[in-house]
Amino acid sequence: MIEMQIEIDDKRVKEMLKKMNPAIQQALLRFLKKAGSIIKSSAKANAPVDTSRLRGSISSRPEGIRQVIIGPNVDYGIYQEFGTKYMKAQPYMRPALEDNIDNVRDIFIREINLAIQRT
């Protein structure tokens, strides 16, 4: 299985997250859900299709307010992404993030700004 994680993993940030306003925590959760959905949709559009099983297995799920897990639940997803000595790589997860990184950043900024304005 291949997974992509967007994670906030800085010790200072972790401490700040524990102390922060619930509105900011909710903004982070909304951000992770939106970012995960955008990247998941892009990965599905990029995924190579034979039986559509790979495409249909791609999902996203937030894990707390620090990360979102995005990826397929079929074993061969990693081989499609990176290839093997017998098969050329057909990346679909990495391009999904690369193509949407600016949009994901904008969503983060927008969600945090809205939460700050509401507090």
PDB file of N, CA and C in Angstrom:
ATOM      1  N   MET A   1       0.842  -1.182   0.000  1.00  0.00           N
ATOM      2  CA  MET A   1       0.000   0.000   0.000  1.00  0.00           C
ATOM      3  C   MET A   1       0.884   1.241   0.000  1.00  0.00           C
ATOM      4  N   ILE A   2       0.480   2.234  -0.734  1.00  0.00           N
ATOM      5  CA  ILE A   2       1.180   3.511  -0.764  1.00  0.00           C
ATOM      6  C   ILE A   2       0.290   4.541  -0.089  1.00  0.00           C
ATOM      7  N   GLU A   3       0.868   5.361   0.750  1.00  0.00           N
ATOM      8  CA  GLU A   3       0.118   6.428   1.416  1.00  0.00           C
ATOM      9  C   GLU A   3       0.897   7.714   1.296  1.00  0.00           C
ATOM     10  N   MET A   4       0.166   8.789   1.250  1.00  0.00           N
ATOM     11  CA  MET A   4       0.759  10.118   1.259  1.00  0.00           C
ATOM     12  C   MET A   4       0.250  10.789   2.526  1.00  0.00           C
ATOM     13  N   GLN A   5       1.126  11.411   3.274  1.00  0.00           N
ATOM     14  CA  GLN A   5       0.706  12.084   4.486  1.00  0.00           C
ATOM     15  C   GLN A   5       1.088  13.554   4.431  1.00  0.00           C
ATOM     16  N   ILE A   6       0.153  14.377   4.818  1.00  0.00           N
ATOM     17  CA  ILE A   6       0.449  15.782   5.066  1.00  0.00           C
ATOM     18  C   ILE A   6       0.444  15.897   6.575  1.00  0.00           C
ATOM     19  N   GLU A   7       1.582  16.189   7.144  1.00  0.00           N
ATOM     20  CA  GLU A   7       1.701  16.140   8.596  1.00  0.00           C
ATOM     21  C   GLU A   7       2.434  17.356   9.127  1.00  0.00           C
ATOM     22  N   ILE A   8       1.958  17.837  10.266  1.00  0.00           N
ATOM     23  CA  ILE A   8       2.629  18.902  10.995  1.00  0.00           C
ATOM     24  C   ILE A   8       3.431  18.200  12.081  1.00  0.00           C
ATOM     25  N   ASP A   9       4.755  18.214  11.959  1.00  0.00           N
ATOM     26  CA  ASP A   9       5.562  17.400  12.862  1.00  0.00           C
ATOM     27  C   ASP A   9       6.721  18.184  13.463  1.00  0.00           C
ATOM     28  N   ASP A  10       6.442  19.339  13.945  1.00  0.00           N
ATOM     29  CA  ASP A  10       7.442  20.167  14.607  1.00  0.00           C
ATOM     30  C   ASP A  10       7.085  20.198  16.089  1.00  0.00           C
ATOM     31  N   LYS A  11       8.054  20.004  16.953  1.00  0.00           N
ATOM     32  CA  LYS A  11       7.807  19.926  18.396  1.00  0.00           C
ATOM     33  C   LYS A  11       7.101  21.175  18.928  1.00  0.00           C
ATOM     34  N   ARG A  12       7.553  22.349  18.476  1.00  0.00           N
ATOM     35  CA  ARG A  12       6.930  23.596  18.935  1.00  0.00           C
ATOM     36  C   ARG A  12       5.483  23.694  18.455  1.00  0.00           C
ATOM     37  N   VAL A  13       5.264  23.276  17.215  1.00  0.00           N
ATOM     38  CA  VAL A  13       3.910  23.335  16.664  1.00  0.00           C
ATOM     39  C   VAL A  13       2.995  22.379  17.420  1.00  0.00           C
ATOM     40  N   LYS A  14       3.494  21.206  17.756  1.00  0.00           N
ATOM     41  CA  LYS A  14       2.695  20.241  18.515  1.00  0.00           C
ATOM     42  C   LYS A  14       2.253  20.832  19.855  1.00  0.00           C
ATOM     43  N   GLU A  15       3.171  21.511  20.529  1.00  0.00           N
ATOM     44  CA  GLU A  15       2.840  22.141  21.813  1.00  0.00           C
ATOM     45  C   GLU A  15       1.804  23.244  21.626  1.00  0.00           C
ATOM     46  N   MET A  16       1.949  24.020  20.570  1.00  0.00           N
ATOM     47  CA  MET A  16       0.986  25.082  20.288  1.00  0.00           C
ATOM     48  C   MET A  16      -0.400  24.501  19.991  1.00  0.00           C
ATOM     49  N   LEU A  17      -0.427  23.378  19.265  1.00  0.00           N
ATOM     50  CA  LEU A  17      -1.708  22.755  18.929  1.00  0.00           C
ATOM     51  C   LEU A  17      -2.466  22.335  20.191  1.00  0.00           C
ATOM     52  N   LYS A  18      -1.746  21.868  21.194  1.00  0.00           N
ATOM     53  CA  LYS A  18      -2.375  21.449  22.450  1.00  0.00           C
ATOM     54  C   LYS A  18      -3.042  22.619  23.161  1.00  0.00           C
ATOM     55  N   LYS A  19      -2.465  23.812  23.018  1.00  0.00           N
ATOM     56  CA  LYS A  19      -2.938  24.985  23.747  1.00  0.00           C
ATOM     57  C   LYS A  19      -3.889  25.867  22.949  1.00  0.00           C
ATOM     58  N   MET A  20      -4.053  25.599  21.684  1.00  0.00           N
ATOM     59  CA  MET A  20      -4.772  26.544  20.839  1.00  0.00           C
ATOM     60  C   MET A  20      -6.277  26.517  21.011  1.00  0.00           C
ATOM     61  N   ASN A  21      -6.846  27.583  20.559  1.00  0.00           N
ATOM     62  CA  ASN A  21      -8.274  27.810  20.565  1.00  0.00           C
ATOM     63  C   ASN A  21      -8.984  26.703  19.787  1.00  0.00           C
ATOM     64  N   PRO A  22     -10.117  26.219  20.281  1.00  0.00           N
ATOM     65  CA  PRO A  22     -10.873  25.189  19.551  1.00  0.00           C
ATOM     66  C   PRO A  22     -11.269  25.611  18.133  1.00  0.00           C
ATOM     67  N   ALA A  23     -11.455  26.905  17.901  1.00  0.00           N
ATOM     68  CA  ALA A  23     -11.804  27.367  16.550  1.00  0.00           C
ATOM     69  C   ALA A  23     -10.657  27.102  15.576  1.00  0.00           C
ATOM     70  N   ILE A  24      -9.429  27.271  16.034  1.00  0.00           N
ATOM     71  CA  ILE A  24      -8.265  26.993  15.193  1.00  0.00           C
ATOM     72  C   ILE A  24      -8.150  25.493  14.950  1.00  0.00           C
ATOM     73  N   GLN A  25      -8.409  24.709  15.984  1.00  0.00           N
ATOM     74  CA  GLN A  25      -8.371  23.253  15.823  1.00  0.00           C
ATOM     75  C   GLN A  25      -9.397  22.802  14.777  1.00  0.00           C
ATOM     76  N   GLN A  26     -10.586  23.377  14.825  1.00  0.00           N
ATOM     77  CA  GLN A  26     -11.615  23.038  13.838  1.00  0.00           C
ATOM     78  C   GLN A  26     -11.202  23.493  12.443  1.00  0.00           C
ATOM     79  N   ALA A  27     -10.533  24.626  12.348  1.00  0.00           N
ATOM     80  CA  ALA A  27     -10.050  25.118  11.055  1.00  0.00           C
ATOM     81  C   ALA A  27      -9.019  24.149  10.473  1.00  0.00           C
ATOM     82  N   LEU A  28      -8.133  23.630  11.323  1.00  0.00           N
ATOM     83  CA  LEU A  28      -7.140  22.665  10.858  1.00  0.00           C
ATOM     84  C   LEU A  28      -7.807  21.389  10.361  1.00  0.00           C
ATOM     85  N   LEU A  29      -8.823  20.939  11.072  1.00  0.00           N
ATOM     86  CA  LEU A  29      -9.545  19.740  10.650  1.00  0.00           C
ATOM     87  C   LEU A  29     -10.248  19.976   9.310  1.00  0.00           C
ATOM     88  N   ARG A  30     -10.885  21.150   9.153  1.00  0.00           N
ATOM     89  CA  ARG A  30     -11.521  21.474   7.862  1.00  0.00           C
ATOM     90  C   ARG A  30     -10.495  21.518   6.745  1.00  0.00           C
ATOM     91  N   PHE A  31      -9.344  22.115   7.038  1.00  0.00           N
ATOM     92  CA  PHE A  31      -8.269  22.174   6.055  1.00  0.00           C
ATOM     93  C   PHE A  31      -7.847  20.775   5.626  1.00  0.00           C
ATOM     94  N   LEU A  32      -7.598  19.891   6.589  1.00  0.00           N
ATOM     95  CA  LEU A  32      -7.146  18.535   6.261  1.00  0.00           C
ATOM     96  C   LEU A  32      -8.182  17.791   5.427  1.00  0.00           C
ATOM     97  N   LYS A  33      -9.455  17.958   5.766  1.00  0.00           N
ATOM     98  CA  LYS A  33     -10.510  17.285   4.991  1.00  0.00           C
ATOM     99  C   LYS A  33     -10.554  17.820   3.562  1.00  0.00           C
ATOM    100  N   LYS A  34     -10.485  19.136   3.407  1.00  0.00           N
ATOM    101  CA  LYS A  34     -10.526  19.736   2.068  1.00  0.00           C
ATOM    102  C   LYS A  34      -9.283  19.376   1.261  1.00  0.00           C
ATOM    103  N   ALA A  35      -8.126  19.491   1.877  1.00  0.00           N
ATOM    104  CA  ALA A  35      -6.881  19.163   1.182  1.00  0.00           C
ATOM    105  C   ALA A  35      -6.875  17.693   0.772  1.00  0.00           C
ATOM    106  N   GLY A  36      -7.291  16.833   1.675  1.00  0.00           N
ATOM    107  CA  GLY A  36      -7.352  15.409   1.365  1.00  0.00           C
ATOM    108  C   GLY A  36      -8.289  15.115   0.215  1.00  0.00           C
ATOM    109  N   SER A  37      -9.424  15.777   0.205  1.00  0.00           N
ATOM    110  CA  SER A  37     -10.405  15.574  -0.854  1.00  0.00           C
ATOM    111  C   SER A  37      -9.864  16.025  -2.215  1.00  0.00           C
ATOM    112  N   ILE A  38      -9.198  17.162  -2.238  1.00  0.00           N
ATOM    113  CA  ILE A  38      -8.640  17.688  -3.488  1.00  0.00           C
ATOM    114  C   ILE A  38      -7.555  16.752  -4.029  1.00  0.00           C
ATOM    115  N   ILE A  39      -6.654  16.334  -3.167  1.00  0.00           N
ATOM    116  CA  ILE A  39      -5.560  15.467  -3.605  1.00  0.00           C
ATOM    117  C   ILE A  39      -6.095  14.094  -3.998  1.00  0.00           C
ATOM    118  N   LYS A  40      -7.063  13.590  -3.240  1.00  0.00           N
ATOM    119  CA  LYS A  40      -7.680  12.301  -3.581  1.00  0.00           C
ATOM    120  C   LYS A  40      -8.325  12.363  -4.964  1.00  0.00           C
ATOM    121  N   SER A  41      -9.074  13.411  -5.238  1.00  0.00           N
ATOM    122  CA  SER A  41      -9.729  13.556  -6.541  1.00  0.00           C
ATOM    123  C   SER A  41      -8.709  13.621  -7.673  1.00  0.00           C
ATOM    124  N   SER A  42      -7.641  14.355  -7.451  1.00  0.00           N
ATOM    125  CA  SER A  42      -6.599  14.469  -8.463  1.00  0.00           C
ATOM    126  C   SER A  42      -5.897  13.128  -8.676  1.00  0.00           C
ATOM    127  N   ALA A  43      -5.616  12.408  -7.587  1.00  0.00           N
ATOM    128  CA  ALA A  43      -4.967  11.092  -7.698  1.00  0.00           C
ATOM    129  C   ALA A  43      -5.865  10.125  -8.474  1.00  0.00           C
ATOM    130  N   LYS A  44      -7.167  10.171  -8.210  1.00  0.00           N
ATOM    131  CA  LYS A  44      -8.096   9.307  -8.947  1.00  0.00           C
ATOM    132  C   LYS A  44      -8.085   9.638 -10.435  1.00  0.00           C
ATOM    133  N   ALA A  45      -8.034  10.922 -10.747  1.00  0.00           N
ATOM    134  CA  ALA A  45      -8.006  11.334 -12.155  1.00  0.00           C
ATOM    135  C   ALA A  45      -6.694  10.912 -12.822  1.00  0.00           C
ATOM    136  N   ASN A  46      -5.589  10.899 -12.062  1.00  0.00           N
ATOM    137  CA  ASN A  46      -4.271  10.550 -12.595  1.00  0.00           C
ATOM    138  C   ASN A  46      -4.007   9.051 -12.623  1.00  0.00           C
ATOM    139  N   ALA A  47      -4.757   8.276 -11.854  1.00  0.00           N
ATOM    140  CA  ALA A  47      -4.473   6.846 -11.692  1.00  0.00           C
ATOM    141  C   ALA A  47      -4.625   6.098 -13.018  1.00  0.00           C
ATOM    142  N   PRO A  48      -3.669   5.198 -13.303  1.00  0.00           N
ATOM    143  CA  PRO A  48      -3.819   4.375 -14.499  1.00  0.00           C
ATOM    144  C   PRO A  48      -5.037   3.465 -14.333  1.00  0.00           C
ATOM    145  N   VAL A  49      -5.726   3.226 -15.440  1.00  0.00           N
ATOM    146  CA  VAL A  49      -6.971   2.468 -15.360  1.00  0.00           C
ATOM    147  C   VAL A  49      -6.870   1.206 -16.210  1.00  0.00           C
ATOM    148  N   ASP A  50      -7.126   0.086 -15.566  1.00  0.00           N
ATOM    149  CA  ASP A  50      -7.308  -1.173 -16.271  1.00  0.00           C
ATOM    150  C   ASP A  50      -8.694  -1.666 -15.885  1.00  0.00           C
ATOM    151  N   THR A  51      -8.862  -1.966 -14.588  1.00  0.00           N
ATOM    152  CA  THR A  51     -10.164  -2.414 -14.091  1.00  0.00           C
ATOM    153  C   THR A  51     -10.861  -1.345 -13.256  1.00  0.00           C
ATOM    154  N   SER A  52     -10.240  -0.227 -13.037  1.00  0.00           N
ATOM    155  CA  SER A  52     -10.719   0.867 -12.175  1.00  0.00           C
ATOM    156  C   SER A  52     -10.644   0.531 -10.692  1.00  0.00           C
ATOM    157  N   ARG A  53     -10.082  -0.623 -10.353  1.00  0.00           N
ATOM    158  CA  ARG A  53      -9.971  -1.005  -8.947  1.00  0.00           C
ATOM    159  C   ARG A  53      -9.040  -0.069  -8.179  1.00  0.00           C
ATOM    160  N   LEU A  54      -7.899   0.280  -8.783  1.00  0.00           N
ATOM    161  CA  LEU A  54      -6.958   1.201  -8.132  1.00  0.00           C
ATOM    162  C   LEU A  54      -7.628   2.542  -7.894  1.00  0.00           C
ATOM    163  N   ARG A  55      -8.225   3.081  -8.929  1.00  0.00           N
ATOM    164  CA  ARG A  55      -8.889   4.391  -8.822  1.00  0.00           C
ATOM    165  C   ARG A  55      -9.955   4.371  -7.725  1.00  0.00           C
ATOM    166  N   GLY A  56     -10.743   3.336  -7.690  1.00  0.00           N
ATOM    167  CA  GLY A  56     -11.813   3.248  -6.701  1.00  0.00           C
ATOM    168  C   GLY A  56     -11.332   3.048  -5.276  1.00  0.00           C
ATOM    169  N   SER A  57     -10.079   2.609  -5.125  1.00  0.00           N
ATOM    170  CA  SER A  57      -9.577   2.330  -3.771  1.00  0.00           C
ATOM    171  C   SER A  57      -8.918   3.537  -3.109  1.00  0.00           C
ATOM    172  N   ILE A  58      -8.745   4.618  -3.841  1.00  0.00           N
ATOM    173  CA  ILE A  58      -8.058   5.793  -3.284  1.00  0.00           C
ATOM    174  C   ILE A  58      -9.002   6.538  -2.340  1.00  0.00           C
ATOM    175  N   SER A  59      -8.528   6.768  -1.130  1.00  0.00           N
ATOM    176  CA  SER A  59      -9.350   7.460  -0.131  1.00  0.00           C
ATOM    177  C   SER A  59      -8.481   8.443   0.641  1.00  0.00           C
ATOM    178  N   SER A  60      -9.144   9.269   1.442  1.00  0.00           N
ATOM    179  CA  SER A  60      -8.421  10.178   2.337  1.00  0.00           C
ATOM    180  C   SER A  60      -9.141  10.187   3.675  1.00  0.00           C
ATOM    181  N   ARG A  61      -8.352  10.305   4.733  1.00  0.00           N
ATOM    182  CA  ARG A  61      -8.942  10.376   6.072  1.00  0.00           C
ATOM    183  C   ARG A  61      -8.033  11.185   6.991  1.00  0.00           C
ATOM    184  N   PRO A  62      -8.613  12.165   7.673  1.00  0.00           N
ATOM    185  CA  PRO A  62      -7.824  12.926   8.644  1.00  0.00           C
ATOM    186  C   PRO A  62      -7.480  12.046   9.846  1.00  0.00           C
ATOM    187  N   GLU A  63      -6.308  12.252  10.374  1.00  0.00           N
ATOM    188  CA  GLU A  63      -5.882  11.589  11.604  1.00  0.00           C
ATOM    189  C   GLU A  63      -5.640  12.703  12.613  1.00  0.00           C
ATOM    190  N   GLY A  64      -6.629  13.016  13.404  1.00  0.00           N
ATOM    191  CA  GLY A  64      -6.507  14.129  14.338  1.00  0.00           C
ATOM    192  C   GLY A  64      -6.470  15.446  13.577  1.00  0.00           C
ATOM    193  N   ILE A  65      -5.766  16.423  14.146  1.00  0.00           N
ATOM    194  CA  ILE A  65      -5.655  17.727  13.490  1.00  0.00           C
ATOM    195  C   ILE A  65      -4.248  17.962  12.955  1.00  0.00           C
ATOM    196  N   ARG A  66      -3.450  16.890  12.860  1.00  0.00           N
ATOM    197  CA  ARG A  66      -2.071  17.035  12.403  1.00  0.00           C
ATOM    198  C   ARG A  66      -1.786  16.397  11.066  1.00  0.00           C
ATOM    199  N   GLN A  67      -2.623  15.474  10.600  1.00  0.00           N
ATOM    200  CA  GLN A  67      -2.292  14.818   9.345  1.00  0.00           C
ATOM    201  C   GLN A  67      -3.525  14.265   8.656  1.00  0.00           C
ATOM    202  N   VAL A  68      -3.377  14.071   7.361  1.00  0.00           N
ATOM    203  CA  VAL A  68      -4.398  13.413   6.566  1.00  0.00           C
ATOM    204  C   VAL A  68      -3.683  12.321   5.771  1.00  0.00           C
ATOM    205  N   ILE A  69      -4.271  11.135   5.761  1.00  0.00           N
ATOM    206  CA  ILE A  69      -3.721   9.993   5.041  1.00  0.00           C
ATOM    207  C   ILE A  69      -4.476   9.876   3.724  1.00  0.00           C
ATOM    208  N   ILE A  70      -3.745   9.847   2.618  1.00  0.00           N
ATOM    209  CA  ILE A  70      -4.348   9.769   1.300  1.00  0.00           C
ATOM    210  C   ILE A  70      -3.663   8.634   0.548  1.00  0.00           C
ATOM    211  N   GLY A  71      -4.427   7.726  -0.025  1.00  0.00           N
ATOM    212  CA  GLY A  71      -3.809   6.668  -0.816  1.00  0.00           C
ATOM    213  C   GLY A  71      -4.760   5.538  -1.111  1.00  0.00           C
ATOM    214  N   PRO A  72      -4.315   4.599  -1.936  1.00  0.00           N
ATOM    215  CA  PRO A  72      -5.146   3.448  -2.286  1.00  0.00           C
ATOM    216  C   PRO A  72      -5.026   2.350  -1.234  1.00  0.00           C
ATOM    217  N   ASN A  73      -5.977   1.443  -1.231  1.00  0.00           N
ATOM    218  CA  ASN A  73      -5.885   0.313  -0.309  1.00  0.00           C
ATOM    219  C   ASN A  73      -5.647  -1.001  -1.051  1.00  0.00           C
ATOM    220  N   VAL A  74      -5.145  -0.906  -2.280  1.00  0.00           N
ATOM    221  CA  VAL A  74      -4.763  -2.113  -3.015  1.00  0.00           C
ATOM    222  C   VAL A  74      -3.250  -2.259  -2.967  1.00  0.00           C
ATOM    223  N   ASP A  75      -2.789  -3.484  -2.864  1.00  0.00           N
ATOM    224  CA  ASP A  75      -1.356  -3.749  -2.702  1.00  0.00           C
ATOM    225  C   ASP A  75      -0.511  -3.267  -3.875  1.00  0.00           C
ATOM    226  N   TYR A  76      -1.052  -3.300  -5.067  1.00  0.00           N
ATOM    227  CA  TYR A  76      -0.238  -2.965  -6.236  1.00  0.00           C
ATOM    228  C   TYR A  76      -0.146  -1.460  -6.495  1.00  0.00           C
ATOM    229  N   GLY A  77      -0.777  -0.638  -5.677  1.00  0.00           N
ATOM    230  CA  GLY A  77      -0.716   0.812  -5.858  1.00  0.00           C
ATOM    231  C   GLY A  77       0.705   1.344  -5.853  1.00  0.00           C
ATOM    232  N   ILE A  78       1.544   0.801  -5.003  1.00  0.00           N
ATOM    233  CA  ILE A  78       2.935   1.256  -4.915  1.00  0.00           C
ATOM    234  C   ILE A  78       3.708   0.935  -6.186  1.00  0.00           C
ATOM    235  N   TYR A  79       3.390  -0.190  -6.811  1.00  0.00           N
ATOM    236  CA  TYR A  79       4.085  -0.576  -8.044  1.00  0.00           C
ATOM    237  C   TYR A  79       3.675   0.321  -9.208  1.00  0.00           C
ATOM    238  N   GLN A  80       2.420   0.734  -9.205  1.00  0.00           N
ATOM    239  CA  GLN A  80       1.974   1.670 -10.227  1.00  0.00           C
ATOM    240  C   GLN A  80       2.690   3.013 -10.052  1.00  0.00           C
ATOM    241  N   GLU A  81       2.814   3.455  -8.828  1.00  0.00           N
ATOM    242  CA  GLU A  81       3.427   4.757  -8.539  1.00  0.00           C
ATOM    243  C   GLU A  81       4.930   4.782  -8.862  1.00  0.00           C
ATOM    244  N   PHE A  82       5.647   3.753  -8.439  1.00  0.00           N
ATOM    245  CA  PHE A  82       7.102   3.762  -8.550  1.00  0.00           C
ATOM    246  C   PHE A  82       7.668   2.817  -9.609  1.00  0.00           C
ATOM    247  N   GLY A  83       6.848   1.919 -10.120  1.00  0.00           N
ATOM    248  CA  GLY A  83       7.306   0.967 -11.115  1.00  0.00           C
ATOM    249  C   GLY A  83       8.077  -0.184 -10.497  1.00  0.00           C
ATOM    250  N   THR A  84       8.469  -1.115 -11.346  1.00  0.00           N
ATOM    251  CA  THR A  84       9.291  -2.259 -10.949  1.00  0.00           C
ATOM    252  C   THR A  84      10.333  -2.447 -12.039  1.00  0.00           C
ATOM    253  N   LYS A  85      11.162  -3.452 -11.890  1.00  0.00           N
ATOM    254  CA  LYS A  85      12.135  -3.689 -12.957  1.00  0.00           C
ATOM    255  C   LYS A  85      11.453  -4.214 -14.214  1.00  0.00           C
ATOM    256  N   TYR A  86      10.199  -4.645 -14.084  1.00  0.00           N
ATOM    257  CA  TYR A  86       9.446  -5.154 -15.234  1.00  0.00           C
ATOM    258  C   TYR A  86       8.406  -4.169 -15.769  1.00  0.00           C
ATOM    259  N   MET A  87       8.150  -3.126 -15.011  1.00  0.00           N
ATOM    260  CA  MET A  87       7.045  -2.234 -15.360  1.00  0.00           C
ATOM    261  C   MET A  87       7.453  -0.778 -15.123  1.00  0.00           C
ATOM    262  N   LYS A  88       7.144   0.053 -16.069  1.00  0.00           N
ATOM    263  CA  LYS A  88       7.432   1.477 -15.956  1.00  0.00           C
ATOM    264  C   LYS A  88       6.510   2.113 -14.908  1.00  0.00           C
ATOM    265  N   ALA A  89       7.043   3.066 -14.158  1.00  0.00           N
ATOM    266  CA  ALA A  89       6.238   3.797 -13.166  1.00  0.00           C
ATOM    267  C   ALA A  89       5.148   4.598 -13.868  1.00  0.00           C
ATOM    268  N   GLN A  90       3.994   4.660 -13.227  1.00  0.00           N
ATOM    269  CA  GLN A  90       2.882   5.484 -13.682  1.00  0.00           C
ATOM    270  C   GLN A  90       2.395   6.311 -12.492  1.00  0.00           C
ATOM    271  N   PRO A  91       3.188   7.321 -12.096  1.00  0.00           N
ATOM    272  CA  PRO A  91       2.862   8.094 -10.897  1.00  0.00           C
ATOM    273  C   PRO A  91       1.474   8.729 -10.971  1.00  0.00           C
ATOM    274  N   TYR A  92       0.786   8.684  -9.865  1.00  0.00           N
ATOM    275  CA  TYR A  92      -0.530   9.309  -9.755  1.00  0.00           C
ATOM    276  C   TYR A  92      -0.690  10.023  -8.423  1.00  0.00           C
ATOM    277  N   MET A  93      -0.004   9.567  -7.375  1.00  0.00           N
ATOM    278  CA  MET A  93      -0.108  10.204  -6.065  1.00  0.00           C
ATOM    279  C   MET A  93       0.784  11.443  -5.987  1.00  0.00           C
ATOM    280  N   ARG A  94       2.043  11.308  -6.356  1.00  0.00           N
ATOM    281  CA  ARG A  94       2.954  12.457  -6.289  1.00  0.00           C
ATOM    282  C   ARG A  94       2.486  13.606  -7.173  1.00  0.00           C
ATOM    283  N   PRO A  95       2.080  13.333  -8.424  1.00  0.00           N
ATOM    284  CA  PRO A  95       1.570  14.446  -9.233  1.00  0.00           C
ATOM    285  C   PRO A  95       0.313  15.080  -8.638  1.00  0.00           C
ATOM    286  N   ALA A  96      -0.501  14.279  -7.960  1.00  0.00           N
ATOM    287  CA  ALA A  96      -1.716  14.834  -7.343  1.00  0.00           C
ATOM    288  C   ALA A  96      -1.359  15.892  -6.308  1.00  0.00           C
ATOM    289  N   LEU A  97      -0.319  15.652  -5.520  1.00  0.00           N
ATOM    290  CA  LEU A  97       0.120  16.644  -4.543  1.00  0.00           C
ATOM    291  C   LEU A  97       0.822  17.811  -5.236  1.00  0.00           C
ATOM    292  N   GLU A  98       1.746  17.497  -6.133  1.00  0.00           N
ATOM    293  CA  GLU A  98       2.514  18.542  -6.807  1.00  0.00           C
ATOM    294  C   GLU A  98       1.609  19.507  -7.575  1.00  0.00           C
ATOM    295  N   ASP A  99       0.596  18.973  -8.236  1.00  0.00           N
ATOM    296  CA  ASP A  99      -0.302  19.813  -9.041  1.00  0.00           C
ATOM    297  C   ASP A  99      -1.228  20.670  -8.190  1.00  0.00           C
ATOM    298  N   ASN A 100      -1.394  20.314  -6.921  1.00  0.00           N
ATOM    299  CA  ASN A 100      -2.363  21.008  -6.072  1.00  0.00           C
ATOM    300  C   ASN A 100      -1.747  21.700  -4.864  1.00  0.00           C
ATOM    301  N   ILE A 101      -0.433  21.745  -4.781  1.00  0.00           N
ATOM    302  CA  ILE A 101       0.213  22.281  -3.580  1.00  0.00           C
ATOM    303  C   ILE A 101      -0.151  23.743  -3.328  1.00  0.00           C
ATOM    304  N   ASP A 102      -0.246  24.536  -4.381  1.00  0.00           N
ATOM    305  CA  ASP A 102      -0.618  25.946  -4.192  1.00  0.00           C
ATOM    306  C   ASP A 102      -2.057  26.064  -3.693  1.00  0.00           C
ATOM    307  N   ASN A 103      -2.943  25.259  -4.241  1.00  0.00           N
ATOM    308  CA  ASN A 103      -4.336  25.260  -3.810  1.00  0.00           C
ATOM    309  C   ASN A 103      -4.460  24.815  -2.346  1.00  0.00           C
ATOM    310  N   VAL A 104      -3.714  23.796  -1.979  1.00  0.00           N
ATOM    311  CA  VAL A 104      -3.726  23.303  -0.596  1.00  0.00           C
ATOM    312  C   VAL A 104      -3.222  24.393   0.349  1.00  0.00           C
ATOM    313  N   ARG A 105      -2.142  25.064  -0.036  1.00  0.00           N
ATOM    314  CA  ARG A 105      -1.614  26.158   0.792  1.00  0.00           C
ATOM    315  C   ARG A 105      -2.652  27.267   0.953  1.00  0.00           C
ATOM    316  N   ASP A 106      -3.326  27.615  -0.139  1.00  0.00           N
ATOM    317  CA  ASP A 106      -4.347  28.667  -0.087  1.00  0.00           C
ATOM    318  C   ASP A 106      -5.513  28.281   0.826  1.00  0.00           C
ATOM    319  N   ILE A 107      -5.903  27.027   0.790  1.00  0.00           N
ATOM    320  CA  ILE A 107      -6.982  26.553   1.675  1.00  0.00           C
ATOM    321  C   ILE A 107      -6.552  26.658   3.128  1.00  0.00           C
ATOM    322  N   PHE A 108      -5.309  26.282   3.416  1.00  0.00           N
ATOM    323  CA  PHE A 108      -4.792  26.382   4.785  1.00  0.00           C
ATOM    324  C   PHE A 108      -4.869  27.825   5.273  1.00  0.00           C
ATOM    325  N   ILE A 109      -4.353  28.732   4.467  1.00  0.00           N
ATOM    326  CA  ILE A 109      -4.342  30.153   4.850  1.00  0.00           C
ATOM    327  C   ILE A 109      -5.767  30.665   5.042  1.00  0.00           C
ATOM    328  N   ARG A 110      -6.659  30.326   4.126  1.00  0.00           N
ATOM    329  CA  ARG A 110      -8.041  30.786   4.208  1.00  0.00           C
ATOM    330  C   ARG A 110      -8.743  30.249   5.465  1.00  0.00           C
ATOM    331  N   GLU A 111      -8.572  28.970   5.765  1.00  0.00           N
ATOM    332  CA  GLU A 111      -9.227  28.382   6.941  1.00  0.00           C
ATOM    333  C   GLU A 111      -8.700  28.987   8.246  1.00  0.00           C
ATOM    334  N   ILE A 112      -7.399  29.178   8.334  1.00  0.00           N
ATOM    335  CA  ILE A 112      -6.825  29.763   9.551  1.00  0.00           C
ATOM    336  C   ILE A 112      -7.268  31.217   9.698  1.00  0.00           C
ATOM    337  N   ASN A 113      -7.244  31.978   8.606  1.00  0.00           N
ATOM    338  CA  ASN A 113      -7.685  33.374   8.673  1.00  0.00           C
ATOM    339  C   ASN A 113      -9.141  33.476   9.099  1.00  0.00           C
ATOM    340  N   LEU A 114      -9.998  32.623   8.564  1.00  0.00           N
ATOM    341  CA  LEU A 114     -11.415  32.639   8.958  1.00  0.00           C
ATOM    342  C   LEU A 114     -11.559  32.332  10.458  1.00  0.00           C
ATOM    343  N   ALA A 115     -10.808  31.362  10.938  1.00  0.00           N
ATOM    344  CA  ALA A 115     -10.885  31.015  12.363  1.00  0.00           C
ATOM    345  C   ALA A 115     -10.405  32.158  13.233  1.00  0.00           C
ATOM    346  N   ILE A 116      -9.351  32.824  12.830  1.00  0.00           N
ATOM    347  CA  ILE A 116      -8.815  33.963  13.594  1.00  0.00           C
ATOM    348  C   ILE A 116      -9.840  35.096  13.621  1.00  0.00           C
ATOM    349  N   GLN A 117     -10.482  35.368  12.503  1.00  0.00           N
ATOM    350  CA  GLN A 117     -11.481  36.417  12.427  1.00  0.00           C
ATOM    351  C   GLN A 117     -12.681  36.122  13.319  1.00  0.00           C
ATOM    352  N   ARG A 118     -13.002  34.872  13.485  1.00  0.00           N
ATOM    353  CA  ARG A 118     -14.164  34.474  14.295  1.00  0.00           C
ATOM    354  C   ARG A 118     -13.882  34.494  15.780  1.00  0.00           C
ATOM    355  N   THR A 119     -12.596  34.516  16.158  1.00  0.00           N
ATOM    356  CA  THR A 119     -12.289  34.482  17.594  1.00  0.00           C
ATOM    357  C   THR A 119     -12.075  35.873  18.142  1.00  0.00           C
TER     358      THR A 119
END
